């Protein structure tokens, strides 16, 4: 059983699944447009929560929020289900496939057999689409992969019911209603306002203030915790930024592409200029990641290396603060 479904590769799993499912349902919407309308760009530092023995840092909103906000702002209806048992989850997915409904799933990364070993870690907020089934396998469209792939029935059960933080509990989701007329302009403006509000939030651990706070903490890590632990914290930060959901530079490049599309739809030239500015900020996030990786791999020749990258991060935060203030003004 194989449903008609076109696989499009994307930079980030949740945007990609949302875009692919909506395209399949007749609404041609790009990954950047999903990300922008869904206000996916975010930053929060949670030193009181540890992930892999390091302070939690997130560069994105909570799993599922991007698609939920897209649905609300475009007046779509999405059905989401979680399950208490594997058998009920399997039955519901198989029923969808029989009814010709490609279905989005939230899964754990660790047991995805088609992922290279270095990318398989305990992270339960990955997204993919199942679009068919054979006697042994489920047919899988994972948007971060170049082509479609498969998981055995047992492997899919395992990733759907991965344990730990954000345990998926067999979660599946799919659009059930898409209106004929979509108000993209209103949705774009709401998405931008939401992101500006988040990134300019008056809380010390959120948005640009959160980035500044992390910059201060980086200076203290080697003194407070010693080099080994400081290096581990830095490595985990880069991993969250560049590998788990492309949150640093990658998200800035996606957001820049969104602003470029939005400038055409809204007829707003200022957004095109801001798109170029965001691309440059994305380059700086990538540079920061490279410099940080040199430190924790002990390849940095710079004295006072921690203060140097803290300065880089502070500069990024200051530029983003100016950027989001300009963006807020550009759509007011």
Protein backbone atom coordinates (compact mmCIF):
# COMPACT_ATOMS: atom_id res chain seq x y z
CA UNK A 1 0.00 0.00 0.00
CA UNK A 2 1.62 3.25 -1.18
CA UNK A 3 -0.15 6.60 -1.22
CA UNK A 4 0.55 9.39 -3.66
CA UNK A 5 2.91 11.68 -1.79
CA UNK A 6 5.72 13.97 -3.00
CA UNK A 7 8.81 14.11 -0.81
CA UNK A 8 10.51 17.53 -0.55
CA UNK A 9 13.75 17.83 1.41
CA UNK A 10 13.82 20.61 4.01
CA UNK A 11 16.24 22.18 6.48
CA UNK A 12 14.14 21.37 9.56
CA UNK A 13 11.84 18.45 10.30
CA UNK A 14 8.70 20.13 11.70
CA UNK A 15 8.57 22.85 9.02
CA UNK A 16 9.23 20.22 6.35
CA UNK A 17 6.52 17.82 7.51
CA UNK A 18 3.99 20.67 7.81
CA UNK A 19 4.86 22.03 4.36
CA UNK A 20 4.81 18.56 2.74
CA UNK A 21 1.48 17.56 4.33
CA UNK A 22 -0.14 20.86 3.30
CA UNK A 23 1.24 20.61 -0.25
CA UNK A 24 -0.17 17.09 -0.42
CA UNK A 25 -3.56 18.52 0.62
CA UNK A 26 -3.47 21.17 -2.12
CA UNK A 27 -2.04 24.17 -0.22
CA UNK A 28 1.28 25.09 -1.82
CA UNK A 29 3.23 26.62 1.07
CA UNK A 30 7.02 26.70 1.41
CA UNK A 31 9.09 25.60 4.41
CA UNK A 32 10.20 29.21 5.20
CA UNK A 33 6.57 30.40 5.05
CA UNK A 34 5.54 27.66 7.52
CA UNK A 35 8.42 28.63 9.82
CA UNK A 36 7.64 32.37 9.70
CA UNK A 37 3.86 32.15 10.08
CA UNK A 38 4.37 29.53 12.80
CA UNK A 39 6.82 31.82 14.68
CA UNK A 40 9.42 29.07 14.97
CA UNK A 41 12.36 31.35 15.76
CA UNK A 42 12.95 31.57 19.51
CA UNK A 43 15.63 31.48 22.19
CA UNK A 44 15.46 30.35 25.80
CA UNK A 45 18.18 29.44 28.30
CA UNK A 46 17.14 27.13 31.15
CA UNK A 47 20.14 26.65 33.47
CA UNK A 48 17.94 24.86 36.06
CA UNK A 49 17.15 22.08 33.53
CA UNK A 50 19.98 19.82 32.38
CA UNK A 51 20.06 18.09 28.96
CA UNK A 52 22.95 15.65 28.53
CA UNK A 53 24.45 17.06 31.78
CA UNK A 54 24.51 20.65 30.48
CA UNK A 55 22.14 23.66 30.85
CA UNK A 56 19.18 23.43 28.46
CA UNK A 57 19.18 25.87 25.56
CA UNK A 58 16.43 25.96 22.97
CA UNK A 59 16.54 27.93 19.73
CA UNK A 60 12.93 27.11 18.81
CA UNK A 61 9.41 27.00 20.23
CA UNK A 62 7.98 23.81 21.77
CA UNK A 63 7.49 20.77 19.49
CA UNK A 64 4.20 20.99 17.58
CA UNK A 65 3.76 24.73 18.10
CA UNK A 66 4.90 25.75 14.62
CA UNK A 67 2.24 23.66 12.85
CA UNK A 68 -0.42 24.56 15.45
CA UNK A 69 0.18 28.30 14.95
CA UNK A 70 0.15 27.91 11.16
CA UNK A 71 -3.20 26.11 11.47
CA UNK A 72 -4.68 28.82 13.72
CA UNK A 73 -3.42 31.71 11.59
CA UNK A 74 -4.51 30.18 8.27
CA UNK A 75 -7.78 28.79 9.66
CA UNK A 76 -6.83 25.15 8.96
CA UNK A 77 -7.88 22.17 11.03
CA UNK A 78 -5.33 19.60 12.13
CA UNK A 79 -6.11 16.41 14.00
CA UNK A 80 -3.58 15.29 16.65
CA UNK A 81 -3.73 12.02 18.55
CA UNK A 82 -1.62 10.37 21.27
CA UNK A 83 -1.98 6.78 22.42
CA UNK A 84 -1.52 4.75 25.57
CA UNK A 85 -0.72 1.53 23.70
CA UNK A 86 1.37 0.51 20.68
CA UNK A 87 -1.48 -1.57 19.25
CA UNK A 88 -3.92 1.39 19.27
CA UNK A 89 -1.31 3.68 17.69
CA UNK A 90 -0.57 1.14 14.94
CA UNK A 91 -4.28 0.55 14.29
CA UNK A 92 -4.95 4.32 13.94
CA UNK A 93 -2.00 4.84 11.57
CA UNK A 94 -2.98 1.83 9.41
CA UNK A 95 -6.56 3.11 9.26
CA UNK A 96 -5.29 6.48 7.98
CA UNK A 97 -3.18 4.79 5.31
CA UNK A 98 -6.21 2.75 4.20
CA UNK A 99 -8.11 6.04 3.92
CA UNK A 100 -5.35 7.55 1.75
CA UNK A 101 -4.11 9.97 4.44
CA UNK A 102 -0.30 10.50 4.64
CA UNK A 103 0.33 11.05 8.33
CA UNK A 104 2.82 13.14 10.33
CA UNK A 105 4.45 11.44 13.33
CA UNK A 106 6.50 12.76 16.25
CA UNK A 107 9.29 10.25 16.98
CA UNK A 108 12.52 9.67 18.88
CA UNK A 109 15.76 10.00 16.91
CA UNK A 110 17.83 7.36 18.74
CA UNK A 111 16.38 4.30 16.99
CA UNK A 112 15.98 5.76 13.49
CA UNK A 113 17.96 3.08 11.63
CA UNK A 114 18.45 5.24 8.51
CA UNK A 115 20.20 8.02 10.48
CA UNK A 116 24.03 7.92 10.63
CA UNK A 117 25.26 6.81 14.08
CA UNK A 118 26.65 10.25 14.96
CA UNK A 119 23.16 11.78 14.64
CA UNK A 120 21.39 9.14 16.74
CA UNK A 121 20.92 10.50 20.26
CA UNK A 122 18.07 10.70 22.77
CA UNK A 123 15.90 13.43 21.27
CA UNK A 124 12.16 12.81 21.02
CA UNK A 125 10.86 15.75 19.01
CA UNK A 126 11.74 14.64 15.47
CA UNK A 127 9.03 14.63 12.79
CA UNK A 128 8.42 12.51 9.70
CA UNK A 129 5.59 11.39 7.39
CA UNK A 130 4.40 7.81 6.85
CA UNK A 131 2.83 7.43 3.41
CA UNK A 132 2.53 3.66 2.93
CA UNK A 133 3.10 0.15 4.23
CA UNK A 134 4.38 -3.24 3.03
CA UNK A 135 4.40 -6.62 4.78
CA UNK A 136 7.65 -5.73 6.58
CA UNK A 137 8.11 -1.96 6.35
CA UNK A 138 6.45 1.43 6.63
CA UNK A 139 7.27 3.91 3.84
CA UNK A 140 8.76 7.04 5.35
CA UNK A 141 9.28 10.58 4.07
CA UNK A 142 11.70 12.21 6.51
CA UNK A 143 12.13 15.79 5.25
CA UNK A 144 15.72 16.12 6.45
CA UNK A 145 16.72 13.17 4.22
CA UNK A 146 17.42 13.54 0.51
CA UNK A 147 15.09 10.71 -0.54
CA UNK A 148 12.29 8.60 0.93
CA UNK A 149 13.20 5.68 3.17
CA UNK A 150 11.67 2.87 5.25
CA UNK A 151 11.41 1.60 8.83
CA UNK A 152 10.39 -1.93 9.79
CA UNK A 153 7.11 -2.27 11.71
CA UNK A 154 9.11 -2.94 14.91
CA UNK A 155 11.42 0.06 14.34
CA UNK A 156 8.48 2.42 13.83
CA UNK A 157 6.83 1.15 17.03
CA UNK A 158 10.08 1.81 18.90
CA UNK A 159 10.56 5.40 17.67
CA UNK A 160 6.87 6.24 18.19
CA UNK A 161 7.08 5.14 21.80
CA UNK A 162 10.56 6.40 22.70
CA UNK A 163 10.96 7.17 26.40
CA UNK A 164 12.27 10.34 28.08
CA UNK A 165 11.67 14.12 27.71
CA UNK A 166 8.98 14.99 25.12
CA UNK A 167 8.08 11.26 24.86
CA UNK A 168 5.95 11.14 21.67
CA UNK A 169 3.41 8.59 23.00
CA UNK A 170 2.67 7.51 19.43
CA UNK A 171 1.63 11.03 18.42
CA UNK A 172 0.27 11.38 14.89
CA UNK A 173 -1.18 14.43 13.16
CA UNK A 174 -2.59 15.41 9.77
CA UNK A 175 -4.68 18.20 8.19
CA UNK A 176 -8.41 17.47 8.02
CA UNK A 177 -9.71 20.76 6.64
CA UNK A 178 -8.19 23.48 4.47
CA UNK A 179 -10.37 26.47 3.46
CA UNK A 180 -10.48 27.52 -0.18
CA UNK A 181 -9.44 31.09 0.59
CA UNK A 182 -6.29 31.60 2.65
CA UNK A 183 -5.38 35.02 4.10
CA UNK A 184 -1.59 34.83 3.89
CA UNK A 185 -1.06 38.56 4.55
CA UNK A 186 -2.77 38.54 7.93
CA UNK A 187 -1.03 35.27 8.93
CA UNK A 188 2.41 36.66 7.97
CA UNK A 189 1.91 39.81 10.06
CA UNK A 190 0.70 37.79 13.08
CA UNK A 191 3.68 35.45 12.74
CA UNK A 192 6.19 38.32 12.58
CA UNK A 193 4.62 40.15 15.55
CA UNK A 194 4.75 36.96 17.63
CA UNK A 195 8.46 36.41 16.84
CA UNK A 196 9.35 40.05 17.60
CA UNK A 197 7.45 39.82 20.90
CA UNK A 198 9.33 36.61 21.84
CA UNK A 199 12.78 37.82 20.83
CA UNK A 200 12.34 41.22 22.53
CA UNK A 201 10.72 39.75 25.67
CA UNK A 202 11.63 41.53 28.93
CA UNK A 203 12.71 38.25 30.58
CA UNK A 204 16.42 37.64 31.29
CA UNK A 205 16.47 34.08 29.88
CA UNK A 206 14.33 34.60 26.74
CA UNK A 207 15.06 36.11 23.32
CA UNK A 208 17.94 38.57 22.86
CA UNK A 209 18.20 39.08 26.62
CA UNK A 210 18.62 35.32 26.98
CA UNK A 211 21.45 35.34 24.40
CA UNK A 212 23.17 38.17 26.35
CA UNK A 213 22.75 36.18 29.57
CA UNK A 214 24.40 33.11 27.99
CA UNK A 215 27.26 35.32 26.82
CA UNK A 216 27.84 36.33 30.48
CA UNK A 217 27.66 32.69 31.61
CA UNK A 218 30.22 31.52 29.01
CA UNK A 219 32.79 33.89 30.57
CA UNK A 220 32.22 32.25 33.97
CA UNK A 221 32.10 28.57 32.91
CA UNK A 222 35.87 27.78 32.87
CA UNK A 223 36.44 29.56 36.21
CA UNK A 224 33.33 28.15 37.91
CA UNK A 225 33.32 24.60 36.50
CA UNK A 226 36.84 23.93 35.18
CA UNK A 227 37.87 23.44 31.55
CA UNK A 228 36.47 19.93 31.07
CA UNK A 229 32.93 20.80 32.18
CA UNK A 230 33.04 24.20 30.44
CA UNK A 231 34.00 22.45 27.19
CA UNK A 232 31.13 19.98 27.62
CA UNK A 233 28.65 22.86 28.17
CA UNK A 234 29.95 24.61 25.06
CA UNK A 235 29.78 21.40 22.98
CA UNK A 236 26.18 20.84 24.07
CA UNK A 237 25.28 24.44 23.18
CA UNK A 238 26.67 24.02 19.65
CA UNK A 239 24.95 20.64 19.30
CA UNK A 240 21.58 22.22 20.20
CA UNK A 241 22.36 25.09 17.83
CA UNK A 242 23.62 23.29 14.74
CA UNK A 243 22.56 19.63 14.92
CA UNK A 244 19.30 19.36 16.85
CA UNK A 245 16.98 21.32 14.58
CA UNK A 246 19.43 23.73 12.93
CA UNK A 247 18.54 26.37 15.53
CA UNK A 248 21.36 28.91 15.19
CA UNK A 249 22.52 29.97 11.75
CA UNK A 250 20.17 27.54 9.99
CA UNK A 251 17.04 29.05 11.49
CA UNK A 252 18.24 32.56 10.63
CA UNK A 253 18.69 31.53 6.98
CA UNK A 254 15.18 30.02 6.91
CA UNK A 255 13.77 33.17 8.52
CA UNK A 256 15.60 35.34 5.97
CA UNK A 257 13.98 33.32 3.16
CA UNK A 258 10.58 33.81 4.86
CA UNK A 259 11.08 37.59 4.97
CA UNK A 260 12.01 37.60 1.30
CA UNK A 261 8.77 35.77 0.41
CA UNK A 262 6.80 37.99 2.79
CA UNK A 263 8.19 41.17 1.20
CA UNK A 264 6.65 40.15 -2.14
CA UNK A 265 3.27 39.08 -0.67
CA UNK A 266 2.97 42.22 1.49
CA UNK A 267 4.58 44.52 -1.09
CA UNK A 268 7.01 45.65 1.62
CA UNK A 269 10.52 46.44 0.34
CA UNK A 270 11.84 46.94 3.87
CA UNK A 271 11.38 43.24 4.59
CA UNK A 272 13.67 42.41 1.66
CA UNK A 273 16.45 44.52 3.18
CA UNK A 274 15.86 42.96 6.60
CA UNK A 275 16.08 39.53 4.96
CA UNK A 276 19.65 40.34 3.82
CA UNK A 277 20.49 41.57 7.33
CA UNK A 278 19.19 38.33 8.89
CA UNK A 279 21.34 36.28 6.49
CA UNK A 280 24.43 38.13 7.75
CA UNK A 281 23.40 37.45 11.36
CA UNK A 282 23.01 33.77 10.40
CA UNK A 283 26.59 33.80 9.08
CA UNK A 284 27.74 35.15 12.46
CA UNK A 285 25.92 32.33 14.32
CA UNK A 286 27.77 29.83 12.11
CA UNK A 287 31.10 31.57 12.79
CA UNK A 288 30.35 31.43 16.52
CA UNK A 289 29.69 27.67 16.26
CA UNK A 290 32.99 27.10 14.41
CA UNK A 291 34.99 29.10 16.97
CA UNK A 292 33.24 27.36 19.87
CA UNK A 293 33.95 23.91 18.37
CA UNK A 294 37.64 24.79 18.11
CA UNK A 295 37.68 25.49 21.85
CA UNK A 296 35.98 22.28 22.98
CA UNK A 297 38.05 20.21 20.55
CA UNK A 298 41.15 21.94 22.00
CA UNK A 299 42.17 23.35 18.63
CA UNK A 300 41.85 27.04 19.46
CA UNK A 301 45.17 28.89 19.60
CA UNK A 302 43.53 32.00 21.06
CA UNK A 303 44.34 33.01 24.58
CA UNK A 304 41.28 33.99 26.56
CA UNK A 305 39.20 32.01 24.03
CA UNK A 306 36.07 31.87 26.20
CA UNK A 307 35.92 35.65 26.51
CA UNK A 308 36.46 35.98 22.76
CA UNK A 309 33.45 33.81 21.85
CA UNK A 310 31.39 35.46 24.61
CA UNK A 311 32.12 38.78 22.86
CA UNK A 312 30.99 37.25 19.54
CA UNK A 313 27.73 36.07 21.10
CA UNK A 314 27.10 39.45 22.74
CA UNK A 315 27.60 41.15 19.36
CA UNK A 316 25.04 38.76 17.80
CA UNK A 317 22.55 39.56 20.59
CA UNK A 318 22.99 43.32 20.12
CA UNK A 319 22.52 43.03 16.35
CA UNK A 320 19.41 40.85 16.79
CA UNK A 321 17.94 43.36 19.24
CA UNK A 322 18.32 46.15 16.66
CA UNK A 323 17.04 43.81 13.93
CA UNK A 324 13.82 42.78 15.72
CA UNK A 325 13.05 46.36 16.71
CA UNK A 326 13.34 47.37 13.03
CA UNK A 327 11.24 44.35 11.96
CA UNK A 328 8.51 45.20 14.47
CA UNK A 329 8.40 48.75 13.12
CA UNK A 330 8.40 47.57 9.47
CA UNK A 331 5.05 45.77 9.86
CA UNK A 332 3.35 48.18 12.29
